[in-house]
Amino acid sequence: MADEQWAIEFYTDEQGNSPVREFLKTLDKKTKARFNWSIEELRIRNITAREPLVKHLEGKIWELRRASSGNIYRLLYFFFVGKRIVFVHGLQKKTQKTPRKEIETAIARMEAYIEGEGGE
């Protein structure tokens, strides 16, 4: 709940790149500020967070939802042992449904992260 301390992590690939951090850098100042607020809200609410802030996509993958300046953005994440929220993918949403390719990217990064951590 709110008194539990959860940590926010960003997936980093083998080359040291963080796709979500790179995605966030491309956003305008107002949208970044909105995402900073949303990420903090998710950290506080963690597994109790619900729509409209977050939405379950499939399996362990969830999306943090944000609209700004007429655009719709999503950060895809999952929960990991040790009270960690791991962001694995960011995108600007242009269709009603999150594209399958975007979900598959998130799943692949989640699996790589879990493997790198020695499993769940």
PDB file of N, CA and C in Angstrom:
ATOM      1  N   MET A   1       0.819  -1.189   0.000  1.00  0.00           N
ATOM      2  CA  MET A   1       0.000   0.000   0.000  1.00  0.00           C
ATOM      3  C   MET A   1       0.865   1.255   0.000  1.00  0.00           C
ATOM      4  N   ALA A   2       0.298   2.362   0.421  1.00  0.00           N
ATOM      5  CA  ALA A   2       1.006   3.633   0.341  1.00  0.00           C
ATOM      6  C   ALA A   2       2.245   3.685   1.238  1.00  0.00           C
ATOM      7  N   ASP A   3       2.271   2.913   2.343  1.00  0.00           N
ATOM      8  CA  ASP A   3       3.425   2.974   3.235  1.00  0.00           C
ATOM      9  C   ASP A   3       4.567   2.074   2.783  1.00  0.00           C
ATOM     10  N   GLU A   4       4.352   1.230   1.803  1.00  0.00           N
ATOM     11  CA  GLU A   4       5.407   0.360   1.288  1.00  0.00           C
ATOM     12  C   GLU A   4       6.283   1.144   0.320  1.00  0.00           C
ATOM     13  N   GLN A   5       7.580   0.929   0.392  1.00  0.00           N
ATOM     14  CA  GLN A   5       8.507   1.611  -0.502  1.00  0.00           C
ATOM     15  C   GLN A   5       8.789   0.748  -1.728  1.00  0.00           C
ATOM     16  N   TRP A   6       8.359   1.198  -2.857  1.00  0.00           N
ATOM     17  CA  TRP A   6       8.613   0.532  -4.119  1.00  0.00           C
ATOM     18  C   TRP A   6       9.681   1.311  -4.875  1.00  0.00           C
ATOM     19  N   ALA A   7      10.480   0.601  -5.656  1.00  0.00           N
ATOM     20  CA  ALA A   7      11.542   1.239  -6.440  1.00  0.00           C
ATOM     21  C   ALA A   7      11.158   1.256  -7.911  1.00  0.00           C
ATOM     22  N   ILE A   8      11.561   2.312  -8.597  1.00  0.00           N
ATOM     23  CA  ILE A   8      11.351   2.438 -10.039  1.00  0.00           C
ATOM     24  C   ILE A   8      12.674   2.091 -10.718  1.00  0.00           C
ATOM     25  N   GLU A   9      12.620   1.221 -11.720  1.00  0.00           N
ATOM     26  CA  GLU A   9      13.801   0.876 -12.495  1.00  0.00           C
ATOM     27  C   GLU A   9      13.476   0.996 -13.981  1.00  0.00           C
ATOM     28  N   PHE A  10      14.512   1.264 -14.762  1.00  0.00           N
ATOM     29  CA  PHE A  10      14.375   1.338 -16.210  1.00  0.00           C
ATOM     30  C   PHE A  10      15.243   0.254 -16.820  1.00  0.00           C
ATOM     31  N   TYR A  11      14.648  -0.552 -17.678  1.00  0.00           N
ATOM     32  CA  TYR A  11      15.377  -1.609 -18.373  1.00  0.00           C
ATOM     33  C   TYR A  11      16.565  -1.012 -19.122  1.00  0.00           C
ATOM     34  N   THR A  12      17.710  -1.687 -19.025  1.00  0.00           N
ATOM     35  CA  THR A  12      18.919  -1.297 -19.750  1.00  0.00           C
ATOM     36  C   THR A  12      19.406  -2.516 -20.522  1.00  0.00           C
ATOM     37  N   ASP A  13      19.681  -2.336 -21.809  1.00  0.00           N
ATOM     38  CA  ASP A  13      20.130  -3.475 -22.623  1.00  0.00           C
ATOM     39  C   ASP A  13      21.618  -3.756 -22.400  1.00  0.00           C
ATOM     40  N   GLU A  14      22.118  -4.771 -23.104  1.00  0.00           N
ATOM     41  CA  GLU A  14      23.514  -5.196 -22.926  1.00  0.00           C
ATOM     42  C   GLU A  14      24.517  -4.117 -23.312  1.00  0.00           C
ATOM     43  N   GLN A  15      24.121  -3.187 -24.168  1.00  0.00           N
ATOM     44  CA  GLN A  15      25.003  -2.096 -24.587  1.00  0.00           C
ATOM     45  C   GLN A  15      24.925  -0.897 -23.634  1.00  0.00           C
ATOM     46  N   GLY A  16      24.095  -1.013 -22.618  1.00  0.00           N
ATOM     47  CA  GLY A  16      23.957   0.076 -21.660  1.00  0.00           C
ATOM     48  C   GLY A  16      22.911   1.117 -22.035  1.00  0.00           C
ATOM     49  N   ASN A  17      22.130   0.842 -23.067  1.00  0.00           N
ATOM     50  CA  ASN A  17      21.073   1.766 -23.500  1.00  0.00           C
ATOM     51  C   ASN A  17      19.797   1.526 -22.699  1.00  0.00           C
ATOM     52  N   SER A  18      19.112   2.603 -22.356  1.00  0.00           N
ATOM     53  CA  SER A  18      17.840   2.511 -21.661  1.00  0.00           C
ATOM     54  C   SER A  18      16.753   3.062 -22.587  1.00  0.00           C
ATOM     55  N   PRO A  19      16.057   2.171 -23.300  1.00  0.00           N
ATOM     56  CA  PRO A  19      15.049   2.626 -24.279  1.00  0.00           C
ATOM     57  C   PRO A  19      13.974   3.548 -23.702  1.00  0.00           C
ATOM     58  N   VAL A  20      13.551   3.308 -22.476  1.00  0.00           N
ATOM     59  CA  VAL A  20      12.498   4.152 -21.893  1.00  0.00           C
ATOM     60  C   VAL A  20      13.048   5.534 -21.563  1.00  0.00           C
ATOM     61  N   ARG A  21      14.247   5.603 -21.002  1.00  0.00           N
ATOM     62  CA  ARG A  21      14.857   6.907 -20.719  1.00  0.00           C
ATOM     63  C   ARG A  21      15.057   7.687 -22.026  1.00  0.00           C
ATOM     64  N   GLU A  22      15.486   6.986 -23.082  1.00  0.00           N
ATOM     65  CA  GLU A  22      15.672   7.631 -24.392  1.00  0.00           C
ATOM     66  C   GLU A  22      14.335   8.154 -24.914  1.00  0.00           C
ATOM     67  N   PHE A  23      13.284   7.354 -24.766  1.00  0.00           N
ATOM     68  CA  PHE A  23      11.946   7.776 -25.195  1.00  0.00           C
ATOM     69  C   PHE A  23      11.512   9.025 -24.432  1.00  0.00           C
ATOM     70  N   LEU A  24      11.697   9.021 -23.121  1.00  0.00           N
ATOM     71  CA  LEU A  24      11.296  10.164 -22.302  1.00  0.00           C
ATOM     72  C   LEU A  24      12.042  11.434 -22.700  1.00  0.00           C
ATOM     73  N   LYS A  25      13.297  11.305 -23.115  1.00  0.00           N
ATOM     74  CA  LYS A  25      14.081  12.467 -23.544  1.00  0.00           C
ATOM     75  C   LYS A  25      13.498  13.133 -24.787  1.00  0.00           C
ATOM     76  N   THR A  26      12.752  12.378 -25.597  1.00  0.00           N
ATOM     77  CA  THR A  26      12.192  12.926 -26.830  1.00  0.00           C
ATOM     78  C   THR A  26      10.921  13.751 -26.587  1.00  0.00           C
ATOM     79  N   LEU A  27      10.374  13.667 -25.393  1.00  0.00           N
ATOM     80  CA  LEU A  27       9.103  14.328 -25.098  1.00  0.00           C
ATOM     81  C   LEU A  27       9.306  15.791 -24.712  1.00  0.00           C
ATOM     82  N   ASP A  28       8.279  16.593 -24.951  1.00  0.00           N
ATOM     83  CA  ASP A  28       8.352  18.003 -24.559  1.00  0.00           C
ATOM     84  C   ASP A  28       8.312  18.114 -23.031  1.00  0.00           C
ATOM     85  N   LYS A  29       8.687  19.276 -22.537  1.00  0.00           N
ATOM     86  CA  LYS A  29       8.823  19.525 -21.101  1.00  0.00           C
ATOM     87  C   LYS A  29       7.531  19.221 -20.328  1.00  0.00           C
ATOM     88  N   LYS A  30       6.402  19.655 -20.878  1.00  0.00           N
ATOM     89  CA  LYS A  30       5.104  19.451 -20.219  1.00  0.00           C
ATOM     90  C   LYS A  30       4.777  17.965 -20.104  1.00  0.00           C
ATOM     91  N   THR A  31       5.015  17.215 -21.171  1.00  0.00           N
ATOM     92  CA  THR A  31       4.721  15.778 -21.164  1.00  0.00           C
ATOM     93  C   THR A  31       5.653  15.051 -20.207  1.00  0.00           C
ATOM     94  N   LYS A  32       6.932  15.429 -20.184  1.00  0.00           N
ATOM     95  CA  LYS A  32       7.879  14.824 -19.233  1.00  0.00           C
ATOM     96  C   LYS A  32       7.421  15.054 -17.803  1.00  0.00           C
ATOM     97  N   ALA A  33       6.981  16.271 -17.515  1.00  0.00           N
ATOM     98  CA  ALA A  33       6.516  16.591 -16.162  1.00  0.00           C
ATOM     99  C   ALA A  33       5.299  15.737 -15.799  1.00  0.00           C
ATOM    100  N   ARG A  34       4.404  15.559 -16.755  1.00  0.00           N
ATOM    101  CA  ARG A  34       3.220  14.725 -16.502  1.00  0.00           C
ATOM    102  C   ARG A  34       3.629  13.276 -16.238  1.00  0.00           C
ATOM    103  N   PHE A  35       4.598  12.772 -17.016  1.00  0.00           N
ATOM    104  CA  PHE A  35       5.070  11.404 -16.787  1.00  0.00           C
ATOM    105  C   PHE A  35       5.778  11.292 -15.443  1.00  0.00           C
ATOM    106  N   ASN A  36       6.555  12.291 -15.060  1.00  0.00           N
ATOM    107  CA  ASN A  36       7.215  12.241 -13.747  1.00  0.00           C
ATOM    108  C   ASN A  36       6.178  12.106 -12.638  1.00  0.00           C
ATOM    109  N   TRP A  37       5.085  12.875 -12.751  1.00  0.00           N
ATOM    110  CA  TRP A  37       4.003  12.789 -11.771  1.00  0.00           C
ATOM    111  C   TRP A  37       3.377  11.387 -11.795  1.00  0.00           C
ATOM    112  N   SER A  38       3.105  10.874 -12.998  1.00  0.00           N
ATOM    113  CA  SER A  38       2.459   9.563 -13.128  1.00  0.00           C
ATOM    114  C   SER A  38       3.343   8.442 -12.594  1.00  0.00           C
ATOM    115  N   ILE A  39       4.642   8.518 -12.866  1.00  0.00           N
ATOM    116  CA  ILE A  39       5.572   7.493 -12.369  1.00  0.00           C
ATOM    117  C   ILE A  39       5.591   7.507 -10.843  1.00  0.00           C
ATOM    118  N   GLU A  40       5.587   8.694 -10.256  1.00  0.00           N
ATOM    119  CA  GLU A  40       5.565   8.789  -8.789  1.00  0.00           C
ATOM    120  C   GLU A  40       4.249   8.251  -8.233  1.00  0.00           C
ATOM    121  N   GLU A  41       3.139   8.566  -8.884  1.00  0.00           N
ATOM    122  CA  GLU A  41       1.847   8.017  -8.452  1.00  0.00           C
ATOM    123  C   GLU A  41       1.863   6.481  -8.506  1.00  0.00           C
ATOM    124  N   LEU A  42       2.430   5.934  -9.572  1.00  0.00           N
ATOM    125  CA  LEU A  42       2.517   4.478  -9.691  1.00  0.00           C
ATOM    126  C   LEU A  42       3.413   3.921  -8.595  1.00  0.00           C
ATOM    127  N   ARG A  43       4.527   4.585  -8.316  1.00  0.00           N
ATOM    128  CA  ARG A  43       5.423   4.104  -7.261  1.00  0.00           C
ATOM    129  C   ARG A  43       4.685   4.055  -5.922  1.00  0.00           C
ATOM    130  N   ILE A  44       3.877   5.057  -5.649  1.00  0.00           N
ATOM    131  CA  ILE A  44       3.129   5.113  -4.394  1.00  0.00           C
ATOM    132  C   ILE A  44       2.001   4.082  -4.374  1.00  0.00           C
ATOM    133  N   ARG A  45       1.244   4.009  -5.461  1.00  0.00           N
ATOM    134  CA  ARG A  45       0.079   3.094  -5.513  1.00  0.00           C
ATOM    135  C   ARG A  45       0.474   1.663  -5.857  1.00  0.00           C
ATOM    136  N   ASN A  46       1.557   1.501  -6.615  1.00  0.00           N
ATOM    137  CA  ASN A  46       2.087   0.209  -7.069  1.00  0.00           C
ATOM    138  C   ASN A  46       0.995  -0.759  -7.506  1.00  0.00           C
ATOM    139  N   ILE A  47       0.882  -1.915  -6.871  1.00  0.00           N
ATOM    140  CA  ILE A  47      -0.062  -2.934  -7.343  1.00  0.00           C
ATOM    141  C   ILE A  47      -1.524  -2.554  -7.151  1.00  0.00           C
ATOM    142  N   THR A  48      -1.794  -1.484  -6.399  1.00  0.00           N
ATOM    143  CA  THR A  48      -3.179  -1.061  -6.203  1.00  0.00           C
ATOM    144  C   THR A  48      -3.630  -0.047  -7.258  1.00  0.00           C
ATOM    145  N   ALA A  49      -2.720   0.416  -8.105  1.00  0.00           N
ATOM    146  CA  ALA A  49      -3.067   1.409  -9.142  1.00  0.00           C
ATOM    147  C   ALA A  49      -4.057   0.811 -10.140  1.00  0.00           C
ATOM    148  N   ARG A  50      -4.981   1.621 -10.583  1.00  0.00           N
ATOM    149  CA  ARG A  50      -6.004   1.181 -11.547  1.00  0.00           C
ATOM    150  C   ARG A  50      -6.214   2.264 -12.602  1.00  0.00           C
ATOM    151  N   GLU A  51      -7.118   1.974 -13.549  1.00  0.00           N
ATOM    152  CA  GLU A  51      -7.469   2.944 -14.585  1.00  0.00           C
ATOM    153  C   GLU A  51      -8.045   4.189 -13.928  1.00  0.00           C
ATOM    154  N   PRO A  52      -7.778   5.345 -14.449  1.00  0.00           N
ATOM    155  CA  PRO A  52      -7.184   5.642 -15.746  1.00  0.00           C
ATOM    156  C   PRO A  52      -5.651   5.735 -15.739  1.00  0.00           C
ATOM    157  N   LEU A  53      -5.023   5.645 -14.548  1.00  0.00           N
ATOM    158  CA  LEU A  53      -3.562   5.779 -14.469  1.00  0.00           C
ATOM    159  C   LEU A  53      -2.850   4.642 -15.196  1.00  0.00           C
ATOM    160  N   VAL A  54      -3.309   3.423 -14.954  1.00  0.00           N
ATOM    161  CA  VAL A  54      -2.668   2.248 -15.552  1.00  0.00           C
ATOM    162  C   VAL A  54      -3.721   1.315 -16.133  1.00  0.00           C
ATOM    163  N   LYS A  55      -3.244   0.393 -16.973  1.00  0.00           N
ATOM    164  CA  LYS A  55      -4.128  -0.625 -17.534  1.00  0.00           C
ATOM    165  C   LYS A  55      -3.319  -1.892 -17.766  1.00  0.00           C
ATOM    166  N   HIS A  56      -3.914  -3.023 -17.413  1.00  0.00           N
ATOM    167  CA  HIS A  56      -3.252  -4.305 -17.659  1.00  0.00           C
ATOM    168  C   HIS A  56      -3.366  -4.639 -19.142  1.00  0.00           C
ATOM    169  N   LEU A  57      -2.251  -5.035 -19.763  1.00  0.00           N
ATOM    170  CA  LEU A  57      -2.278  -5.403 -21.181  1.00  0.00           C
ATOM    171  C   LEU A  57      -2.369  -6.910 -21.352  1.00  0.00           C
ATOM    172  N   GLU A  58      -1.351  -7.618 -20.875  1.00  0.00           N
ATOM    173  CA  GLU A  58      -1.393  -9.080 -20.921  1.00  0.00           C
ATOM    174  C   GLU A  58      -0.263  -9.650 -20.092  1.00  0.00           C
ATOM    175  N   GLY A  59      -0.472 -10.854 -19.573  1.00  0.00           N
ATOM    176  CA  GLY A  59       0.556 -11.479 -18.757  1.00  0.00           C
ATOM    177  C   GLY A  59       0.985 -10.549 -17.634  1.00  0.00           C
ATOM    178  N   LYS A  60       2.269 -10.290 -17.551  1.00  0.00           N
ATOM    179  CA  LYS A  60       2.805  -9.406 -16.511  1.00  0.00           C
ATOM    180  C   LYS A  60       2.947  -7.961 -16.981  1.00  0.00           C
ATOM    181  N   ILE A  61       2.604  -7.694 -18.230  1.00  0.00           N
ATOM    182  CA  ILE A  61       2.807  -6.362 -18.799  1.00  0.00           C
ATOM    183  C   ILE A  61       1.605  -5.437 -18.535  1.00  0.00           C
ATOM    184  N   TRP A  62       1.923  -4.249 -18.018  1.00  0.00           N
ATOM    185  CA  TRP A  62       0.957  -3.186 -17.747  1.00  0.00           C
ATOM    186  C   TRP A  62       1.394  -1.946 -18.506  1.00  0.00           C
ATOM    187  N   GLU A  63       0.486  -0.984 -18.658  1.00  0.00           N
ATOM    188  CA  GLU A  63       0.857   0.281 -19.268  1.00  0.00           C
ATOM    189  C   GLU A  63       0.502   1.435 -18.339  1.00  0.00           C
ATOM    190  N   LEU A  64       1.447   2.378 -18.244  1.00  0.00           N
ATOM    191  CA  LEU A  64       1.215   3.642 -17.554  1.00  0.00           C
ATOM    192  C   LEU A  64       0.715   4.590 -18.633  1.00  0.00           C
ATOM    193  N   ARG A  65      -0.452   5.166 -18.415  1.00  0.00           N
ATOM    194  CA  ARG A  65      -1.137   5.937 -19.451  1.00  0.00           C
ATOM    195  C   ARG A  65      -0.979   7.432 -19.225  1.00  0.00           C
ATOM    196  N   ARG A  66      -0.747   8.149 -20.320  1.00  0.00           N
ATOM    197  CA  ARG A  66      -0.581   9.599 -20.224  1.00  0.00           C
ATOM    198  C   ARG A  66      -1.018  10.243 -21.524  1.00  0.00           C
ATOM    199  N   ALA A  67      -1.783  11.305 -21.412  1.00  0.00           N
ATOM    200  CA  ALA A  67      -2.149  12.097 -22.585  1.00  0.00           C
ATOM    201  C   ALA A  67      -1.568  13.486 -22.373  1.00  0.00           C
ATOM    202  N   SER A  68      -1.105  14.088 -23.464  1.00  0.00           N
ATOM    203  CA  SER A  68      -0.530  15.424 -23.357  1.00  0.00           C
ATOM    204  C   SER A  68      -0.531  16.078 -24.731  1.00  0.00           C
ATOM    205  N   SER A  69      -0.962  17.311 -24.778  1.00  0.00           N
ATOM    206  CA  SER A  69      -0.975  18.102 -26.020  1.00  0.00           C
ATOM    207  C   SER A  69      -1.611  17.352 -27.194  1.00  0.00           C
ATOM    208  N   GLY A  70      -2.712  16.669 -26.923  1.00  0.00           N
ATOM    209  CA  GLY A  70      -3.436  15.970 -27.973  1.00  0.00           C
ATOM    210  C   GLY A  70      -2.829  14.637 -28.383  1.00  0.00           C
ATOM    211  N   ASN A  71      -1.753  14.215 -27.738  1.00  0.00           N
ATOM    212  CA  ASN A  71      -1.119  12.933 -28.037  1.00  0.00           C
ATOM    213  C   ASN A  71      -1.331  11.969 -26.881  1.00  0.00           C
ATOM    214  N   ILE A  72      -1.238  10.686 -27.201  1.00  0.00           N
ATOM    215  CA  ILE A  72      -1.397   9.642 -26.198  1.00  0.00           C
ATOM    216  C   ILE A  72      -0.079   8.884 -26.101  1.00  0.00           C
ATOM    217  N   TYR A  73       0.416   8.751 -24.872  1.00  0.00           N
ATOM    218  CA  TYR A  73       1.685   8.072 -24.641  1.00  0.00           C
ATOM    219  C   TYR A  73       1.495   6.936 -23.655  1.00  0.00           C
ATOM    220  N   ARG A  74       2.370   5.944 -23.777  1.00  0.00           N
ATOM    221  CA  ARG A  74       2.340   4.807 -22.870  1.00  0.00           C
ATOM    222  C   ARG A  74       3.757   4.417 -22.481  1.00  0.00           C
ATOM    223  N   LEU A  75       3.922   4.038 -21.212  1.00  0.00           N
ATOM    224  CA  LEU A  75       5.148   3.394 -20.752  1.00  0.00           C
ATOM    225  C   LEU A  75       4.728   2.005 -20.294  1.00  0.00           C
ATOM    226  N   LEU A  76       5.353   0.980 -20.866  1.00  0.00           N
ATOM    227  CA  LEU A  76       5.009  -0.391 -20.511  1.00  0.00           C
ATOM    228  C   LEU A  76       5.962  -0.870 -19.420  1.00  0.00           C
ATOM    229  N   TYR A  77       5.407  -1.588 -18.461  1.00  0.00           N
ATOM    230  CA  TYR A  77       6.189  -2.007 -17.290  1.00  0.00           C
ATOM    231  C   TYR A  77       5.677  -3.326 -16.742  1.00  0.00           C
ATOM    232  N   PHE A  78       6.434  -3.852 -15.768  1.00  0.00           N
ATOM    233  CA  PHE A  78       5.996  -5.025 -15.030  1.00  0.00           C
ATOM    234  C   PHE A  78       6.492  -4.901 -13.588  1.00  0.00           C
ATOM    235  N   PHE A  79       5.903  -5.699 -12.712  1.00  0.00           N
ATOM    236  CA  PHE A  79       6.319  -5.728 -11.315  1.00  0.00           C
ATOM    237  C   PHE A  79       7.318  -6.862 -11.139  1.00  0.00           C
ATOM    238  N   PHE A  80       8.352  -6.613 -10.331  1.00  0.00           N
ATOM    239  CA  PHE A  80       9.391  -7.618 -10.113  1.00  0.00           C
ATOM    240  C   PHE A  80       9.625  -7.766  -8.613  1.00  0.00           C
ATOM    241  N   VAL A  81      10.140  -8.925  -8.237  1.00  0.00           N
ATOM    242  CA  VAL A  81      10.395  -9.199  -6.818  1.00  0.00           C
ATOM    243  C   VAL A  81      11.215  -8.078  -6.194  1.00  0.00           C
ATOM    244  N   GLY A  82      11.066  -7.917  -4.905  1.00  0.00           N
ATOM    245  CA  GLY A  82      11.774  -6.855  -4.210  1.00  0.00           C
ATOM    246  C   GLY A  82      11.084  -5.517  -4.355  1.00  0.00           C
ATOM    247  N   LYS A  83       9.772  -5.552  -4.640  1.00  0.00           N
ATOM    248  CA  LYS A  83       8.975  -4.326  -4.784  1.00  0.00           C
ATOM    249  C   LYS A  83       9.578  -3.389  -5.823  1.00  0.00           C
ATOM    250  N   ARG A  84       9.819  -3.932  -7.019  1.00  0.00           N
ATOM    251  CA  ARG A  84      10.370  -3.139  -8.113  1.00  0.00           C
ATOM    252  C   ARG A  84       9.344  -3.010  -9.230  1.00  0.00           C
ATOM    253  N   ILE A  85       9.272  -1.812  -9.795  1.00  0.00           N
ATOM    254  CA  ILE A  85       8.465  -1.539 -10.974  1.00  0.00           C
ATOM    255  C   ILE A  85       9.480  -1.266 -12.078  1.00  0.00           C
ATOM    256  N   VAL A  86       9.473  -2.128 -13.098  1.00  0.00           N
ATOM    257  CA  VAL A  86      10.496  -2.035 -14.138  1.00  0.00           C
ATOM    258  C   VAL A  86       9.849  -1.573 -15.442  1.00  0.00           C
ATOM    259  N   PHE A  87      10.268  -0.396 -15.917  1.00  0.00           N
ATOM    260  CA  PHE A  87       9.785   0.129 -17.191  1.00  0.00           C
ATOM    261  C   PHE A  87      10.635  -0.434 -18.313  1.00  0.00           C
ATOM    262  N   VAL A  88       9.964  -1.016 -19.327  1.00  0.00           N
ATOM    263  CA  VAL A  88      10.690  -1.692 -20.403  1.00  0.00           C
ATOM    264  C   VAL A  88      10.476  -1.090 -21.787  1.00  0.00           C
ATOM    265  N   HIS A  89       9.431  -0.269 -21.967  1.00  0.00           N
ATOM    266  CA  HIS A  89       9.160   0.261 -23.307  1.00  0.00           C
ATOM    267  C   HIS A  89       8.306   1.519 -23.225  1.00  0.00           C
ATOM    268  N   GLY A  90       8.560   2.464 -24.134  1.00  0.00           N
ATOM    269  CA  GLY A  90       7.769   3.678 -24.219  1.00  0.00           C
ATOM    270  C   GLY A  90       7.314   3.891 -25.646  1.00  0.00           C
ATOM    271  N   LEU A  91       6.115   4.436 -25.821  1.00  0.00           N
ATOM    272  CA  LEU A  91       5.600   4.658 -27.166  1.00  0.00           C
ATOM    273  C   LEU A  91       4.562   5.762 -27.199  1.00  0.00           C
ATOM    274  N   GLN A  92       4.417   6.345 -28.392  1.00  0.00           N
ATOM    275  CA  GLN A  92       3.305   7.245 -28.653  1.00  0.00           C
ATOM    276  C   GLN A  92       2.248   6.395 -29.312  1.00  0.00           C
ATOM    277  N   LYS A  93       1.075   6.380 -28.738  1.00  0.00           N
ATOM    278  CA  LYS A  93       0.001   5.517 -29.228  1.00  0.00           C
ATOM    279  C   LYS A  93      -0.795   6.253 -30.299  1.00  0.00           C
ATOM    280  N   LYS A  94      -0.958   5.593 -31.438  1.00  0.00           N
ATOM    281  CA  LYS A  94      -1.682   6.219 -32.551  1.00  0.00           C
ATOM    282  C   LYS A  94      -2.894   5.408 -32.980  1.00  0.00           C
ATOM    283  N   THR A  95      -3.114   4.278 -32.318  1.00  0.00           N
ATOM    284  CA  THR A  95      -4.252   3.422 -32.641  1.00  0.00           C
ATOM    285  C   THR A  95      -5.052   3.171 -31.368  1.00  0.00           C
ATOM    286  N   GLN A  96      -6.281   2.687 -31.543  1.00  0.00           N
ATOM    287  CA  GLN A  96      -7.148   2.403 -30.390  1.00  0.00           C
ATOM    288  C   GLN A  96      -6.502   1.382 -29.465  1.00  0.00           C
ATOM    289  N   LYS A  97      -5.982   0.316 -30.050  1.00  0.00           N
ATOM    290  CA  LYS A  97      -5.391  -0.767 -29.295  1.00  0.00           C
ATOM    291  C   LYS A  97      -3.877  -0.654 -29.357  1.00  0.00           C
ATOM    292  N   THR A  98      -3.197  -1.030 -28.255  1.00  0.00           N
ATOM    293  CA  THR A  98      -1.729  -1.022 -28.269  1.00  0.00           C
ATOM    294  C   THR A  98      -1.266  -2.064 -29.283  1.00  0.00           C
ATOM    295  N   PRO A  99      -0.457  -1.655 -30.267  1.00  0.00           N
ATOM    296  CA  PRO A  99      -0.015  -2.598 -31.299  1.00  0.00           C
ATOM    297  C   PRO A  99       0.725  -3.806 -30.728  1.00  0.00           C
ATOM    298  N   ARG A 100       0.460  -4.968 -31.307  1.00  0.00           N
ATOM    299  CA  ARG A 100       1.063  -6.232 -30.871  1.00  0.00           C
ATOM    300  C   ARG A 100       2.593  -6.130 -30.827  1.00  0.00           C
ATOM    301  N   LYS A 101       3.168  -5.494 -31.827  1.00  0.00           N
ATOM    302  CA  LYS A 101       4.622  -5.354 -31.912  1.00  0.00           C
ATOM    303  C   LYS A 101       5.180  -4.654 -30.675  1.00  0.00           C
ATOM    304  N   GLU A 102       4.473  -3.651 -30.184  1.00  0.00           N
ATOM    305  CA  GLU A 102       4.916  -2.903 -29.008  1.00  0.00           C
ATOM    306  C   GLU A 102       4.868  -3.783 -27.758  1.00  0.00           C
ATOM    307  N   ILE A 103       3.826  -4.579 -27.639  1.00  0.00           N
ATOM    308  CA  ILE A 103       3.698  -5.497 -26.501  1.00  0.00           C
ATOM    309  C   ILE A 103       4.803  -6.552 -26.565  1.00  0.00           C
ATOM    310  N   GLU A 104       5.073  -7.071 -27.760  1.00  0.00           N
ATOM    311  CA  GLU A 104       6.121  -8.080 -27.916  1.00  0.00           C
ATOM    312  C   GLU A 104       7.496  -7.519 -27.562  1.00  0.00           C
ATOM    313  N   THR A 105       7.751  -6.262 -27.909  1.00  0.00           N
ATOM    314  CA  THR A 105       9.011  -5.613 -27.524  1.00  0.00           C
ATOM    315  C   THR A 105       9.123  -5.567 -26.004  1.00  0.00           C
ATOM    316  N   ALA A 106       8.035  -5.180 -25.345  1.00  0.00           N
ATOM    317  CA  ALA A 106       8.026  -5.110 -23.879  1.00  0.00           C
ATOM    318  C   ALA A 106       8.264  -6.491 -23.266  1.00  0.00           C
ATOM    319  N   ILE A 107       7.618  -7.510 -23.811  1.00  0.00           N
ATOM    320  CA  ILE A 107       7.777  -8.870 -23.285  1.00  0.00           C
ATOM    321  C   ILE A 107       9.218  -9.345 -23.446  1.00  0.00           C
ATOM    322  N   ALA A 108       9.812  -9.102 -24.609  1.00  0.00           N
ATOM    323  CA  ALA A 108      11.197  -9.519 -24.852  1.00  0.00           C
ATOM    324  C   ALA A 108      12.146  -8.836 -23.865  1.00  0.00           C
ATOM    325  N   ARG A 109      11.940  -7.556 -23.622  1.00  0.00           N
ATOM    326  CA  ARG A 109      12.800  -6.835 -22.676  1.00  0.00           C
ATOM    327  C   ARG A 109      12.559  -7.313 -21.251  1.00  0.00           C
ATOM    328  N   MET A 110      11.315  -7.606 -20.911  1.00  0.00           N
ATOM    329  CA  MET A 110      11.011  -8.132 -19.585  1.00  0.00           C
ATOM    330  C   MET A 110      11.738  -9.462 -19.377  1.00  0.00           C
ATOM    331  N   GLU A 111      11.665 -10.340 -20.376  1.00  0.00           N
ATOM    332  CA  GLU A 111      12.319 -11.648 -20.260  1.00  0.00           C
ATOM    333  C   GLU A 111      13.835 -11.484 -20.135  1.00  0.00           C
ATOM    334  N   ALA A 112      14.407 -10.548 -20.878  1.00  0.00           N
ATOM    335  CA  ALA A 112      15.845 -10.289 -20.786  1.00  0.00           C
ATOM    336  C   ALA A 112      16.205  -9.764 -19.394  1.00  0.00           C
ATOM    337  N   TYR A 113      15.381  -8.896 -18.862  1.00  0.00           N
ATOM    338  CA  TYR A 113      15.619  -8.338 -17.536  1.00  0.00           C
ATOM    339  C   TYR A 113      15.580  -9.450 -16.483  1.00  0.00           C
ATOM    340  N   ILE A 114      14.529 -10.266 -16.545  1.00  0.00           N
ATOM    341  CA  ILE A 114      14.369 -11.357 -15.573  1.00  0.00           C
ATOM    342  C   ILE A 114      15.548 -12.326 -15.656  1.00  0.00           C
ATOM    343  N   GLU A 115      15.947 -12.655 -16.872  1.00  0.00           N
ATOM    344  CA  GLU A 115      17.086 -13.557 -17.050  1.00  0.00           C
ATOM    345  C   GLU A 115      18.362 -12.939 -16.472  1.00  0.00           C
ATOM    346  N   GLY A 116      18.544 -11.656 -16.711  1.00  0.00           N
ATOM    347  CA  GLY A 116      19.706 -10.954 -16.171  1.00  0.00           C
ATOM    348  C   GLY A 116      19.726 -10.875 -14.655  1.00  0.00           C
ATOM    349  N   GLU A 117      18.546 -10.918 -14.068  1.00  0.00           N
ATOM    350  CA  GLU A 117      18.427 -10.876 -12.604  1.00  0.00           C
ATOM    351  C   GLU A 117      18.463 -12.274 -11.995  1.00  0.00           C
ATOM    352  N   GLY A 118      18.582 -13.296 -12.842  1.00  0.00           N
ATOM    353  CA  GLY A 118      18.637 -14.670 -12.325  1.00  0.00           C
ATOM    354  C   GLY A 118      17.287 -15.302 -12.114  1.00  0.00           C
ATOM    355  N   GLY A 119      16.272 -14.798 -12.770  1.00  0.00           N
ATOM    356  CA  GLY A 119      14.925 -15.365 -12.657  1.00  0.00           C
ATOM    357  C   GLY A 119      14.117 -14.679 -11.566  1.00  0.00           C
ATOM    358  N   GLU A 120      12.850 -15.110 -11.455  1.00  0.00           N
ATOM    359  CA  GLU A 120      11.973 -14.484 -10.449  1.00  0.00           C
ATOM    360  C   GLU A 120      11.921 -15.305  -9.208  1.00  0.00           C
TER     361      GLU A 120
END
